[in-house]
């Protein structure tokens, strides 16, 4: 259990999942599926067979100024500020089944939260017609608590000494509380697939962790707005060090890039392609609560080198713990050898 606690579910679940992300001009609704820095640390590690839970609270504060426009809920708006608080409740089941020598795992994520969005100017869209006499160019704001689209995932993880690696697939199902025409939506209202691979070098003796993860996000069409978000690529790395058995610190870097443009009749601003690099740090603490090791981790990243995206600061507060861990397999019983004369 001490080894499990060292690289517990906060990083492990999120590495397997990579749920919703910070606002982006280049994806419809101001939201990308991928969040910078979400998969690391311990990106390639899958825990032992068992059932695990993680609650990750996500914070984002950013803006896109300079009279630049973006689309939110079908509305064309400019000079937008976003302040988002959301939580991703995640369950992970690592089965004892093996495929190609790797452990098979299944995950479920339910996001919910309140995106507070303020636009300095409303230029076009459903909000123009919702209030009689509302002139174009006025400022608008929206902050609604709502549920996001549920996410299901599966992964395969392998281990060899200090090396751990994993492949994963995710599917976001458009079944959340999406409101067309509103600025504040956690749900993206489109099918989204994400495929990724990750590797981790973890040395328990030295307390060193090195991870890298990369993947592609494939976006479907939002039927409410006829907007097709372009496909995306993401990569991130981390390095961390255990200062004690309980406390660790580290650094994170990530890069996101849209590889195809937005399309569809709802993409009124054309095929924008966004990209952003984010850098930051993290600190983790593992403490026992009774017999259960609970891991808490704080991450903070700043978005830099931004193109066609909001720019801001994001953070996570992750709390994770095992609900049940399968007992280790008993060593096979050896029969004594009887010498024959």
C-alpha atoms as a PDB file:
ATOM      1  CA  UNK A   1       0.000   0.000   0.000  1.00  0.00           C
ATOM      2  CA  UNK A   2       2.937   2.377   0.578  1.00  0.00           C
ATOM      3  CA  UNK A   3       4.051   1.890  -3.005  1.00  0.00           C
ATOM      4  CA  UNK A   4       0.507   2.524  -4.200  1.00  0.00           C
ATOM      5  CA  UNK A   5       0.238   5.665  -2.087  1.00  0.00           C
ATOM      6  CA  UNK A   6       3.393   7.101  -3.657  1.00  0.00           C
ATOM      7  CA  UNK A   7       1.859   7.349  -7.113  1.00  0.00           C
ATOM      8  CA  UNK A   8      -1.782   7.285  -6.178  1.00  0.00           C
ATOM      9  CA  UNK A   9      -4.968   7.871  -8.007  1.00  0.00           C
ATOM     10  CA  UNK A  10      -4.764  11.657  -8.404  1.00  0.00           C
ATOM     11  CA  UNK A  11      -2.185  11.368 -11.175  1.00  0.00           C
ATOM     12  CA  UNK A  12      -3.103   7.831 -12.215  1.00  0.00           C
ATOM     13  CA  UNK A  13      -6.820   8.410 -12.828  1.00  0.00           C
ATOM     14  CA  UNK A  14      -6.248  11.722 -14.525  1.00  0.00           C
ATOM     15  CA  UNK A  15      -3.519  10.277 -16.677  1.00  0.00           C
ATOM     16  CA  UNK A  16      -6.034   7.689 -17.842  1.00  0.00           C
ATOM     17  CA  UNK A  17      -8.741  10.216 -18.498  1.00  0.00           C
ATOM     18  CA  UNK A  18      -7.738  13.722 -19.555  1.00  0.00           C
ATOM     19  CA  UNK A  19     -11.227  15.242 -19.271  1.00  0.00           C
ATOM     20  CA  UNK A  20     -12.392  18.778 -20.021  1.00  0.00           C
ATOM     21  CA  UNK A  21     -10.156  21.744 -20.557  1.00  0.00           C
ATOM     22  CA  UNK A  22      -9.626  25.464 -20.378  1.00  0.00           C
ATOM     23  CA  UNK A  23     -11.402  27.900 -22.716  1.00  0.00           C
ATOM     24  CA  UNK A  24     -10.104  28.084 -26.289  1.00  0.00           C
ATOM     25  CA  UNK A  25     -11.047  30.253 -29.237  1.00  0.00           C
ATOM     26  CA  UNK A  26     -10.216  27.453 -31.626  1.00  0.00           C
ATOM     27  CA  UNK A  27     -12.811  25.010 -30.260  1.00  0.00           C
ATOM     28  CA  UNK A  28     -16.543  25.612 -30.167  1.00  0.00           C
ATOM     29  CA  UNK A  29     -18.014  26.928 -26.952  1.00  0.00           C
ATOM     30  CA  UNK A  30     -14.627  28.041 -25.683  1.00  0.00           C
ATOM     31  CA  UNK A  31     -13.838  24.548 -24.367  1.00  0.00           C
ATOM     32  CA  UNK A  32     -11.403  21.871 -25.484  1.00  0.00           C
ATOM     33  CA  UNK A  33     -11.634  18.315 -24.209  1.00  0.00           C
ATOM     34  CA  UNK A  34      -7.970  18.281 -23.192  1.00  0.00           C
ATOM     35  CA  UNK A  35      -6.652  20.069 -20.099  1.00  0.00           C
ATOM     36  CA  UNK A  36      -2.983  21.078 -19.981  1.00  0.00           C
ATOM     37  CA  UNK A  37      -0.987  19.152 -17.383  1.00  0.00           C
ATOM     38  CA  UNK A  38      -3.822  16.793 -16.530  1.00  0.00           C
ATOM     39  CA  UNK A  39      -2.128  13.471 -17.291  1.00  0.00           C
ATOM     40  CA  UNK A  40       1.066  13.983 -15.289  1.00  0.00           C
ATOM     41  CA  UNK A  41       2.752  13.019 -13.004  1.00  0.00           C
ATOM     42  CA  UNK A  42       2.759   9.175 -13.070  1.00  0.00           C
ATOM     43  CA  UNK A  43       1.240   9.255 -16.550  1.00  0.00           C
ATOM     44  CA  UNK A  44       2.229   5.686 -17.429  1.00  0.00           C
ATOM     45  CA  UNK A  45       1.335   4.066 -14.093  1.00  0.00           C
ATOM     46  CA  UNK A  46      -1.749   1.902 -13.639  1.00  0.00           C
ATOM     47  CA  UNK A  47      -2.371   0.888 -10.001  1.00  0.00           C
ATOM     48  CA  UNK A  48      -2.849  -2.729  -8.850  1.00  0.00           C
ATOM     49  CA  UNK A  49      -6.226  -4.406  -9.447  1.00  0.00           C
ATOM     50  CA  UNK A  50      -8.900  -2.690  -7.369  1.00  0.00           C
ATOM     51  CA  UNK A  51     -11.431   0.143  -7.282  1.00  0.00           C
ATOM     52  CA  UNK A  52     -10.297   3.766  -6.883  1.00  0.00           C
ATOM     53  CA  UNK A  53     -11.914   7.200  -6.571  1.00  0.00           C
ATOM     54  CA  UNK A  54     -10.655  10.676  -7.410  1.00  0.00           C
ATOM     55  CA  UNK A  55     -12.161  14.137  -6.995  1.00  0.00           C
ATOM     56  CA  UNK A  56     -10.317  16.770  -9.019  1.00  0.00           C
ATOM     57  CA  UNK A  57     -11.358  20.381  -8.613  1.00  0.00           C
ATOM     58  CA  UNK A  58     -10.329  22.512 -11.578  1.00  0.00           C
ATOM     59  CA  UNK A  59      -9.787  26.281 -11.547  1.00  0.00           C
ATOM     60  CA  UNK A  60      -9.261  28.521 -14.573  1.00  0.00           C
ATOM     61  CA  UNK A  61      -8.997  32.279 -14.980  1.00  0.00           C
ATOM     62  CA  UNK A  62      -8.258  33.708 -18.409  1.00  0.00           C
ATOM     63  CA  UNK A  63      -9.276  36.166 -21.081  1.00  0.00           C
ATOM     64  CA  UNK A  64      -9.086  36.896 -24.748  1.00  0.00           C
ATOM     65  CA  UNK A  65      -8.854  40.639 -25.268  1.00  0.00           C
ATOM     66  CA  UNK A  66      -7.715  43.054 -27.913  1.00  0.00           C
ATOM     67  CA  UNK A  67     -11.238  43.172 -29.424  1.00  0.00           C
ATOM     68  CA  UNK A  68     -10.743  39.616 -30.679  1.00  0.00           C
ATOM     69  CA  UNK A  69     -13.865  37.507 -31.231  1.00  0.00           C
ATOM     70  CA  UNK A  70     -14.799  33.965 -30.316  1.00  0.00           C
ATOM     71  CA  UNK A  71     -17.947  31.810 -30.276  1.00  0.00           C
ATOM     72  CA  UNK A  72     -19.738  30.654 -27.131  1.00  0.00           C
ATOM     73  CA  UNK A  73     -22.992  28.700 -27.303  1.00  0.00           C
ATOM     74  CA  UNK A  74     -23.559  29.905 -30.873  1.00  0.00           C
ATOM     75  CA  UNK A  75     -22.944  33.539 -29.932  1.00  0.00           C
ATOM     76  CA  UNK A  76     -20.180  35.645 -31.491  1.00  0.00           C
ATOM     77  CA  UNK A  77     -18.631  37.669 -28.655  1.00  0.00           C
ATOM     78  CA  UNK A  78     -15.503  39.767 -28.083  1.00  0.00           C
ATOM     79  CA  UNK A  79     -13.256  40.725 -25.141  1.00  0.00           C
ATOM     80  CA  UNK A  80     -14.215  37.653 -23.130  1.00  0.00           C
ATOM     81  CA  UNK A  81     -13.163  36.796 -19.575  1.00  0.00           C
ATOM     82  CA  UNK A  82     -13.715  33.336 -18.083  1.00  0.00           C
ATOM     83  CA  UNK A  83     -13.530  32.208 -14.468  1.00  0.00           C
ATOM     84  CA  UNK A  84     -14.258  28.491 -14.156  1.00  0.00           C
ATOM     85  CA  UNK A  85     -14.622  26.265 -11.121  1.00  0.00           C
ATOM     86  CA  UNK A  86     -15.455  22.643 -11.913  1.00  0.00           C
ATOM     87  CA  UNK A  87     -15.070  19.201 -10.411  1.00  0.00           C
ATOM     88  CA  UNK A  88     -14.425  15.864 -12.094  1.00  0.00           C
ATOM     89  CA  UNK A  89     -15.626  12.908 -10.023  1.00  0.00           C
ATOM     90  CA  UNK A  90     -13.800   9.836 -11.308  1.00  0.00           C
ATOM     91  CA  UNK A  91     -14.065   6.136 -10.643  1.00  0.00           C
ATOM     92  CA  UNK A  92     -11.449   3.652 -11.849  1.00  0.00           C
ATOM     93  CA  UNK A  93     -11.733  -0.147 -11.863  1.00  0.00           C
ATOM     94  CA  UNK A  94      -8.481  -1.986 -12.553  1.00  0.00           C
ATOM     95  CA  UNK A  95      -9.465  -5.560 -13.332  1.00  0.00           C
ATOM     96  CA  UNK A  96      -7.342  -8.665 -12.773  1.00  0.00           C
ATOM     97  CA  UNK A  97      -7.787  -9.479 -16.470  1.00  0.00           C
ATOM     98  CA  UNK A  98      -4.739  -9.199 -18.720  1.00  0.00           C
ATOM     99  CA  UNK A  99      -4.533  -8.487 -22.441  1.00  0.00           C
ATOM    100  CA  UNK A 100      -1.158  -8.847 -24.158  1.00  0.00           C
ATOM    101  CA  UNK A 101       0.379  -8.965 -20.680  1.00  0.00           C
ATOM    102  CA  UNK A 102      -1.124  -5.644 -19.569  1.00  0.00           C
ATOM    103  CA  UNK A 103      -3.774  -5.006 -16.916  1.00  0.00           C
ATOM    104  CA  UNK A 104      -7.180  -3.949 -18.244  1.00  0.00           C
ATOM    105  CA  UNK A 105      -8.941  -0.981 -16.567  1.00  0.00           C
ATOM    106  CA  UNK A 106     -12.225   0.888 -16.999  1.00  0.00           C
ATOM    107  CA  UNK A 107     -13.063   4.438 -15.897  1.00  0.00           C
ATOM    108  CA  UNK A 108     -16.051   6.766 -15.599  1.00  0.00           C
ATOM    109  CA  UNK A 109     -15.919  10.563 -15.152  1.00  0.00           C
ATOM    110  CA  UNK A 110     -18.780  12.933 -14.298  1.00  0.00           C
ATOM    111  CA  UNK A 111     -17.909  16.644 -14.611  1.00  0.00           C
ATOM    112  CA  UNK A 112     -19.954  19.474 -13.126  1.00  0.00           C
ATOM    113  CA  UNK A 113     -19.300  23.090 -12.269  1.00  0.00           C
ATOM    114  CA  UNK A 114     -19.890  26.786 -12.908  1.00  0.00           C
ATOM    115  CA  UNK A 115     -18.204  28.585 -15.824  1.00  0.00           C
ATOM    116  CA  UNK A 116     -18.558  32.322 -15.140  1.00  0.00           C
ATOM    117  CA  UNK A 117     -18.198  34.085 -18.500  1.00  0.00           C
ATOM    118  CA  UNK A 118     -18.349  37.800 -19.275  1.00  0.00           C
ATOM    119  CA  UNK A 119     -18.168  39.187 -22.804  1.00  0.00           C
ATOM    120  CA  UNK A 120     -17.400  42.857 -23.367  1.00  0.00           C
ATOM    121  CA  UNK A 121     -19.381  42.860 -26.608  1.00  0.00           C
ATOM    122  CA  UNK A 122     -22.157  40.658 -28.002  1.00  0.00           C
ATOM    123  CA  UNK A 123     -21.854  40.737 -31.790  1.00  0.00           C
ATOM    124  CA  UNK A 124     -24.297  38.073 -33.008  1.00  0.00           C
ATOM    125  CA  UNK A 125     -26.157  34.940 -31.996  1.00  0.00           C
ATOM    126  CA  UNK A 126     -29.161  33.690 -29.992  1.00  0.00           C
ATOM    127  CA  UNK A 127     -28.623  36.104 -27.080  1.00  0.00           C
ATOM    128  CA  UNK A 128     -29.266  39.057 -29.392  1.00  0.00           C
ATOM    129  CA  UNK A 129     -32.858  37.899 -29.879  1.00  0.00           C
ATOM    130  CA  UNK A 130     -33.591  36.667 -26.351  1.00  0.00           C
ATOM    131  CA  UNK A 131     -34.118  40.164 -24.960  1.00  0.00           C
ATOM    132  CA  UNK A 132     -36.298  42.514 -26.996  1.00  0.00           C
ATOM    133  CA  UNK A 133     -34.420  45.663 -27.817  1.00  0.00           C
ATOM    134  CA  UNK A 134     -30.999  44.383 -26.757  1.00  0.00           C
ATOM    135  CA  UNK A 135     -28.550  46.198 -29.046  1.00  0.00           C
ATOM    136  CA  UNK A 136     -25.561  44.548 -30.654  1.00  0.00           C
ATOM    137  CA  UNK A 137     -22.302  45.441 -28.910  1.00  0.00           C
ATOM    138  CA  UNK A 138     -23.542  45.435 -25.306  1.00  0.00           C
ATOM    139  CA  UNK A 139     -21.745  43.415 -22.635  1.00  0.00           C
ATOM    140  CA  UNK A 140     -23.273  40.109 -21.459  1.00  0.00           C
ATOM    141  CA  UNK A 141     -22.449  37.682 -18.681  1.00  0.00           C
ATOM    142  CA  UNK A 142     -23.534  34.202 -17.600  1.00  0.00           C
ATOM    143  CA  UNK A 143     -22.681  31.926 -14.668  1.00  0.00           C
ATOM    144  CA  UNK A 144     -24.723  28.734 -14.341  1.00  0.00           C
ATOM    145  CA  UNK A 145     -24.023  25.593 -12.332  1.00  0.00           C
ATOM    146  CA  UNK A 146     -24.505  22.649 -14.689  1.00  0.00           C
ATOM    147  CA  UNK A 147     -23.424  19.088 -15.414  1.00  0.00           C
ATOM    148  CA  UNK A 148     -20.998  18.183 -18.163  1.00  0.00           C
ATOM    149  CA  UNK A 149     -20.953  15.270 -20.580  1.00  0.00           C
ATOM    150  CA  UNK A 150     -20.179  11.885 -18.983  1.00  0.00           C
ATOM    151  CA  UNK A 151     -16.897  10.278 -20.026  1.00  0.00           C
ATOM    152  CA  UNK A 152     -16.068   6.572 -20.229  1.00  0.00           C
ATOM    153  CA  UNK A 153     -12.603   5.157 -20.762  1.00  0.00           C
ATOM    154  CA  UNK A 154     -10.488   2.049 -20.914  1.00  0.00           C
ATOM    155  CA  UNK A 155      -6.752   1.488 -20.638  1.00  0.00           C
ATOM    156  CA  UNK A 156      -4.042  -1.174 -20.642  1.00  0.00           C
ATOM    157  CA  UNK A 157      -1.001  -0.832 -18.368  1.00  0.00           C
ATOM    158  CA  UNK A 158       2.323  -2.674 -18.220  1.00  0.00           C
ATOM    159  CA  UNK A 159       5.174  -2.723 -15.691  1.00  0.00           C
ATOM    160  CA  UNK A 160       8.817  -3.752 -15.902  1.00  0.00           C
ATOM    161  CA  UNK A 161      11.045  -2.825 -12.967  1.00  0.00           C
ATOM    162  CA  UNK A 162      11.034   0.958 -12.615  1.00  0.00           C
ATOM    163  CA  UNK A 163       9.349   1.410 -16.002  1.00  0.00           C
ATOM    164  CA  UNK A 164       5.584   1.709 -16.462  1.00  0.00           C
ATOM    165  CA  UNK A 165       3.665   2.400 -19.659  1.00  0.00           C
ATOM    166  CA  UNK A 166       0.053   2.591 -20.759  1.00  0.00           C
ATOM    167  CA  UNK A 167      -2.321   3.127 -23.688  1.00  0.00           C
ATOM    168  CA  UNK A 168      -5.795   4.595 -23.156  1.00  0.00           C
ATOM    169  CA  UNK A 169      -8.969   5.501 -25.003  1.00  0.00           C
ATOM    170  CA  UNK A 170     -11.751   7.867 -23.909  1.00  0.00           C
ATOM    171  CA  UNK A 171     -15.230   8.698 -25.166  1.00  0.00           C
ATOM    172  CA  UNK A 172     -17.175  11.807 -24.149  1.00  0.00           C
ATOM    173  CA  UNK A 173     -20.930  11.247 -24.603  1.00  0.00           C
ATOM    174  CA  UNK A 174     -23.145  14.301 -25.333  1.00  0.00           C
ATOM    175  CA  UNK A 175     -25.614  13.700 -22.481  1.00  0.00           C
ATOM    176  CA  UNK A 176     -24.872  16.670 -20.214  1.00  0.00           C
ATOM    177  CA  UNK A 177     -26.933  19.762 -19.395  1.00  0.00           C
ATOM    178  CA  UNK A 178     -25.949  21.697 -22.523  1.00  0.00           C
ATOM    179  CA  UNK A 179     -27.995  24.859 -23.149  1.00  0.00           C
ATOM    180  CA  UNK A 180     -27.783  26.220 -26.716  1.00  0.00           C
ATOM    181  CA  UNK A 181     -27.433  29.965 -26.823  1.00  0.00           C
ATOM    182  CA  UNK A 182     -25.919  30.273 -23.331  1.00  0.00           C
ATOM    183  CA  UNK A 183     -22.371  31.371 -22.506  1.00  0.00           C
ATOM    184  CA  UNK A 184     -21.986  29.116 -19.441  1.00  0.00           C
ATOM    185  CA  UNK A 185     -21.742  25.437 -20.386  1.00  0.00           C
ATOM    186  CA  UNK A 186     -19.622  22.618 -18.989  1.00  0.00           C
ATOM    187  CA  UNK A 187     -21.065  20.137 -21.501  1.00  0.00           C
ATOM    188  CA  UNK A 188     -19.637  20.244 -25.031  1.00  0.00           C
ATOM    189  CA  UNK A 189     -22.630  18.483 -26.691  1.00  0.00           C
ATOM    190  CA  UNK A 190     -20.590  16.483 -29.173  1.00  0.00           C
ATOM    191  CA  UNK A 191     -19.056  13.032 -29.323  1.00  0.00           C
ATOM    192  CA  UNK A 192     -15.336  13.243 -28.571  1.00  0.00           C
ATOM    193  CA  UNK A 193     -12.753  10.469 -28.735  1.00  0.00           C
ATOM    194  CA  UNK A 194      -9.259  10.676 -27.282  1.00  0.00           C
ATOM    195  CA  UNK A 195      -6.454   8.144 -27.733  1.00  0.00           C
ATOM    196  CA  UNK A 196      -3.172   8.428 -25.837  1.00  0.00           C
ATOM    197  CA  UNK A 197       0.013   6.672 -24.782  1.00  0.00           C
ATOM    198  CA  UNK A 198       2.179   7.400 -21.746  1.00  0.00           C
ATOM    199  CA  UNK A 199       5.346   6.182 -20.040  1.00  0.00           C
ATOM    200  CA  UNK A 200       6.795   6.709 -16.563  1.00  0.00           C
ATOM    201  CA  UNK A 201      10.160   6.003 -14.945  1.00  0.00           C
ATOM    202  CA  UNK A 202       9.593   5.655 -11.205  1.00  0.00           C
ATOM    203  CA  UNK A 203      12.510   4.965  -8.851  1.00  0.00           C
ATOM    204  CA  UNK A 204      11.149   4.370  -5.315  1.00  0.00           C
ATOM    205  CA  UNK A 205      14.648   4.215  -3.817  1.00  0.00           C
ATOM    206  CA  UNK A 206      15.638   7.675  -5.109  1.00  0.00           C
ATOM    207  CA  UNK A 207      12.096   9.081  -5.037  1.00  0.00           C
ATOM    208  CA  UNK A 208      12.332  10.244  -8.653  1.00  0.00           C
ATOM    209  CA  UNK A 209       9.476  10.301 -11.176  1.00  0.00           C
ATOM    210  CA  UNK A 210       9.761  11.151 -14.902  1.00  0.00           C
ATOM    211  CA  UNK A 211       6.708  10.988 -17.175  1.00  0.00           C
ATOM    212  CA  UNK A 212       5.624  11.781 -20.716  1.00  0.00           C
ATOM    213  CA  UNK A 213       2.204  11.445 -22.364  1.00  0.00           C
ATOM    214  CA  UNK A 214       0.880  12.247 -25.840  1.00  0.00           C
ATOM    215  CA  UNK A 215      -2.435  11.826 -27.607  1.00  0.00           C
ATOM    216  CA  UNK A 216      -4.944  12.892 -30.239  1.00  0.00           C
ATOM    217  CA  UNK A 217      -8.459  14.265 -29.696  1.00  0.00           C
ATOM    218  CA  UNK A 218     -11.047  13.574 -32.404  1.00  0.00           C
ATOM    219  CA  UNK A 219     -14.117  15.851 -32.328  1.00  0.00           C
ATOM    220  CA  UNK A 220     -17.606  15.242 -33.697  1.00  0.00           C
ATOM    221  CA  UNK A 221     -20.280  17.782 -34.665  1.00  0.00           C
ATOM    222  CA  UNK A 222     -22.469  19.660 -32.210  1.00  0.00           C
ATOM    223  CA  UNK A 223     -25.967  19.079 -33.680  1.00  0.00           C
ATOM    224  CA  UNK A 224     -27.412  22.090 -31.824  1.00  0.00           C
ATOM    225  CA  UNK A 225     -25.090  24.565 -33.540  1.00  0.00           C
ATOM    226  CA  UNK A 226     -23.814  22.631 -36.607  1.00  0.00           C
ATOM    227  CA  UNK A 227     -20.258  23.379 -35.454  1.00  0.00           C
ATOM    228  CA  UNK A 228     -17.448  20.891 -36.084  1.00  0.00           C
ATOM    229  CA  UNK A 229     -14.386  21.443 -33.896  1.00  0.00           C
ATOM    230  CA  UNK A 230     -11.060  20.493 -35.485  1.00  0.00           C
ATOM    231  CA  UNK A 231      -8.945  17.574 -34.303  1.00  0.00           C
ATOM    232  CA  UNK A 232      -6.198  18.208 -31.742  1.00  0.00           C
ATOM    233  CA  UNK A 233      -2.804  16.957 -30.559  1.00  0.00           C
ATOM    234  CA  UNK A 234      -1.476  17.207 -27.001  1.00  0.00           C
ATOM    235  CA  UNK A 235       1.748  16.274 -25.219  1.00  0.00           C
ATOM    236  CA  UNK A 236       3.013  16.816 -21.666  1.00  0.00           C
ATOM    237  CA  UNK A 237       5.956  15.933 -19.449  1.00  0.00           C
ATOM    238  CA  UNK A 238       6.729  16.024 -15.734  1.00  0.00           C
ATOM    239  CA  UNK A 239       9.598  15.515 -13.308  1.00  0.00           C
ATOM    240  CA  UNK A 240       9.101  15.183  -9.557  1.00  0.00           C
ATOM    241  CA  UNK A 241      11.062  14.305  -6.440  1.00  0.00           C
ATOM    242  CA  UNK A 242       9.990  12.894  -3.103  1.00  0.00           C
ATOM    243  CA  UNK A 243      11.331  15.109  -0.331  1.00  0.00           C
ATOM    244  CA  UNK A 244       9.987  12.642   2.250  1.00  0.00           C
ATOM    245  CA  UNK A 245       7.877   9.485   2.022  1.00  0.00           C
ATOM    246  CA  UNK A 246       4.801  11.719   2.261  1.00  0.00           C
ATOM    247  CA  UNK A 247       5.748  14.927   0.394  1.00  0.00           C
ATOM    248  CA  UNK A 248       6.746  15.425  -3.249  1.00  0.00           C
ATOM    249  CA  UNK A 249       7.304  18.440  -5.511  1.00  0.00           C
ATOM    250  CA  UNK A 250       7.775  18.731  -9.259  1.00  0.00           C
ATOM    251  CA  UNK A 251       7.494  20.638 -12.530  1.00  0.00           C
ATOM    252  CA  UNK A 252       5.111  20.254 -15.477  1.00  0.00           C
ATOM    253  CA  UNK A 253       5.132  21.370 -19.117  1.00  0.00           C
ATOM    254  CA  UNK A 254       2.494  20.747 -21.783  1.00  0.00           C
ATOM    255  CA  UNK A 255       1.705  21.668 -25.366  1.00  0.00           C
ATOM    256  CA  UNK A 256      -1.647  21.664 -27.197  1.00  0.00           C
ATOM    257  CA  UNK A 257      -2.093  22.219 -30.913  1.00  0.00           C
ATOM    258  CA  UNK A 258      -5.130  22.023 -33.176  1.00  0.00           C
ATOM    259  CA  UNK A 259      -4.146  20.117 -36.307  1.00  0.00           C
ATOM    260  CA  UNK A 260      -7.298  20.666 -38.429  1.00  0.00           C
ATOM    261  CA  UNK A 261      -9.498  23.747 -38.624  1.00  0.00           C
ATOM    262  CA  UNK A 262     -13.041  24.208 -37.368  1.00  0.00           C
ATOM    263  CA  UNK A 263     -15.770  23.679 -39.956  1.00  0.00           C
ATOM    264  CA  UNK A 264     -19.529  23.352 -40.439  1.00  0.00           C
ATOM    265  CA  UNK A 265     -22.173  25.971 -41.066  1.00  0.00           C
ATOM    266  CA  UNK A 266     -22.008  27.054 -37.417  1.00  0.00           C
ATOM    267  CA  UNK A 267     -18.318  28.002 -37.546  1.00  0.00           C
ATOM    268  CA  UNK A 268     -18.940  31.681 -38.277  1.00  0.00           C
ATOM    269  CA  UNK A 269     -15.380  32.813 -37.586  1.00  0.00           C
ATOM    270  CA  UNK A 270     -13.676  30.378 -39.956  1.00  0.00           C
ATOM    271  CA  UNK A 271     -11.215  27.496 -39.444  1.00  0.00           C
ATOM    272  CA  UNK A 272      -9.239  28.828 -36.481  1.00  0.00           C
ATOM    273  CA  UNK A 273      -6.373  26.636 -35.285  1.00  0.00           C
ATOM    274  CA  UNK A 274      -5.281  27.211 -31.722  1.00  0.00           C
ATOM    275  CA  UNK A 275      -2.131  26.293 -29.860  1.00  0.00           C
ATOM    276  CA  UNK A 276      -0.752  26.914 -26.381  1.00  0.00           C
ATOM    277  CA  UNK A 277       2.170  25.893 -24.199  1.00  0.00           C
ATOM    278  CA  UNK A 278       1.713  25.791 -20.425  1.00  0.00           C
ATOM    279  CA  UNK A 279       4.340  25.469 -17.694  1.00  0.00           C
ATOM    280  CA  UNK A 280       4.013  25.145 -13.942  1.00  0.00           C
ATOM    281  CA  UNK A 281       4.667  23.205 -10.774  1.00  0.00           C
ATOM    282  CA  UNK A 282       3.015  20.806  -8.356  1.00  0.00           C
ATOM    283  CA  UNK A 283       3.164  19.499  -4.808  1.00  0.00           C
ATOM    284  CA  UNK A 284       1.715  16.262  -3.446  1.00  0.00           C
ATOM    285  CA  UNK A 285       1.064  14.891   0.029  1.00  0.00           C
ATOM    286  CA  UNK A 286       0.047  11.368   1.050  1.00  0.00           C
ATOM    287  CA  UNK A 287      -1.356  10.752   4.531  1.00  0.00           C
ATOM    288  CA  UNK A 288      -3.087   7.719   6.059  1.00  0.00           C
ATOM    289  CA  UNK A 289      -6.726   8.071   7.056  1.00  0.00           C
ATOM    290  CA  UNK A 290      -7.215   4.971   9.159  1.00  0.00           C
ATOM    291  CA  UNK A 291      -5.835   2.218   6.969  1.00  0.00           C
ATOM    292  CA  UNK A 292      -6.484   4.108   3.725  1.00  0.00           C
ATOM    293  CA  UNK A 293      -3.727   6.179   2.061  1.00  0.00           C
ATOM    294  CA  UNK A 294      -5.181   9.461   0.803  1.00  0.00           C
ATOM    295  CA  UNK A 295      -3.239  11.517  -1.714  1.00  0.00           C
ATOM    296  CA  UNK A 296      -3.771  15.267  -2.221  1.00  0.00           C
ATOM    297  CA  UNK A 297      -2.009  17.148  -5.016  1.00  0.00           C
ATOM    298  CA  UNK A 298      -2.007  20.800  -6.071  1.00  0.00           C
ATOM    299  CA  UNK A 299      -0.981  21.865  -9.590  1.00  0.00           C
ATOM    300  CA  UNK A 300      -0.688  25.391 -11.008  1.00  0.00           C
ATOM    301  CA  UNK A 301       0.187  26.181 -14.642  1.00  0.00           C
ATOM    302  CA  UNK A 302       0.478  29.393 -16.643  1.00  0.00           C
ATOM    303  CA  UNK A 303      -0.432  29.429 -20.330  1.00  0.00           C
ATOM    304  CA  UNK A 304       2.311  30.943 -22.532  1.00  0.00           C
ATOM    305  CA  UNK A 305       3.034  31.119 -26.270  1.00  0.00           C
ATOM    306  CA  UNK A 306      -0.679  31.354 -27.035  1.00  0.00           C
ATOM    307  CA  UNK A 307      -2.266  31.576 -30.495  1.00  0.00           C
ATOM    308  CA  UNK A 308      -6.036  31.826 -31.117  1.00  0.00           C
ATOM    309  CA  UNK A 309      -6.754  30.865 -27.492  1.00  0.00           C
ATOM    310  CA  UNK A 310      -7.689  32.368 -24.218  1.00  0.00           C
ATOM    311  CA  UNK A 311      -4.642  33.020 -22.039  1.00  0.00           C
ATOM    312  CA  UNK A 312      -4.704  32.509 -18.312  1.00  0.00           C
ATOM    313  CA  UNK A 313      -3.759  30.468 -15.272  1.00  0.00           C
ATOM    314  CA  UNK A 314      -5.151  27.043 -14.397  1.00  0.00           C
ATOM    315  CA  UNK A 315      -4.923  24.840 -11.356  1.00  0.00           C
ATOM    316  CA  UNK A 316      -6.078  21.534  -9.887  1.00  0.00           C
ATOM    317  CA  UNK A 317      -6.731  20.277  -6.390  1.00  0.00           C
ATOM    318  CA  UNK A 318      -6.800  16.472  -6.601  1.00  0.00           C
ATOM    319  CA  UNK A 319      -7.837  14.166  -3.768  1.00  0.00           C
ATOM    320  CA  UNK A 320      -7.733  10.435  -4.400  1.00  0.00           C
ATOM    321  CA  UNK A 321      -7.846   7.146  -2.517  1.00  0.00           C
ATOM    322  CA  UNK A 322      -8.507   3.425  -3.029  1.00  0.00           C
ATOM    323  CA  UNK A 323     -11.958   2.060  -2.217  1.00  0.00           C
ATOM    324  CA  UNK A 324     -10.764  -1.540  -2.470  1.00  0.00           C
ATOM    325  CA  UNK A 325      -7.506  -3.176  -3.521  1.00  0.00           C
ATOM    326  CA  UNK A 326      -7.303  -6.839  -4.487  1.00  0.00           C
ATOM    327  CA  UNK A 327      -5.065  -8.899  -2.197  1.00  0.00           C
ATOM    328  CA  UNK A 328      -1.777  -9.960  -3.778  1.00  0.00           C
ATOM    329  CA  UNK A 329      -1.713 -13.338  -5.421  1.00  0.00           C
ATOM    330  CA  UNK A 330      -0.365 -16.070  -3.196  1.00  0.00           C
ATOM    331  CA  UNK A 331       2.914 -17.600  -4.291  1.00  0.00           C
ATOM    332  CA  UNK A 332       2.440 -21.084  -5.763  1.00  0.00           C
ATOM    333  CA  UNK A 333       3.063 -23.833  -3.245  1.00  0.00           C
ATOM    334  CA  UNK A 334       6.219 -25.819  -3.925  1.00  0.00           C
ATOM    335  CA  UNK A 335       6.333 -29.507  -3.222  1.00  0.00           C
ATOM    336  CA  UNK A 336       9.447 -30.942  -1.601  1.00  0.00           C
ATOM    337  CA  UNK A 337      11.709 -32.871  -3.897  1.00  0.00           C
ATOM    338  CA  UNK A 338      12.191 -36.490  -2.835  1.00  0.00           C
ATOM    339  CA  UNK A 339      15.451 -37.927  -3.968  1.00  0.00           C
ATOM    340  CA  UNK A 340      15.300 -41.404  -5.480  1.00  0.00           C
ATOM    341  CA  UNK A 341      18.075 -43.940  -4.996  1.00  0.00           C
END
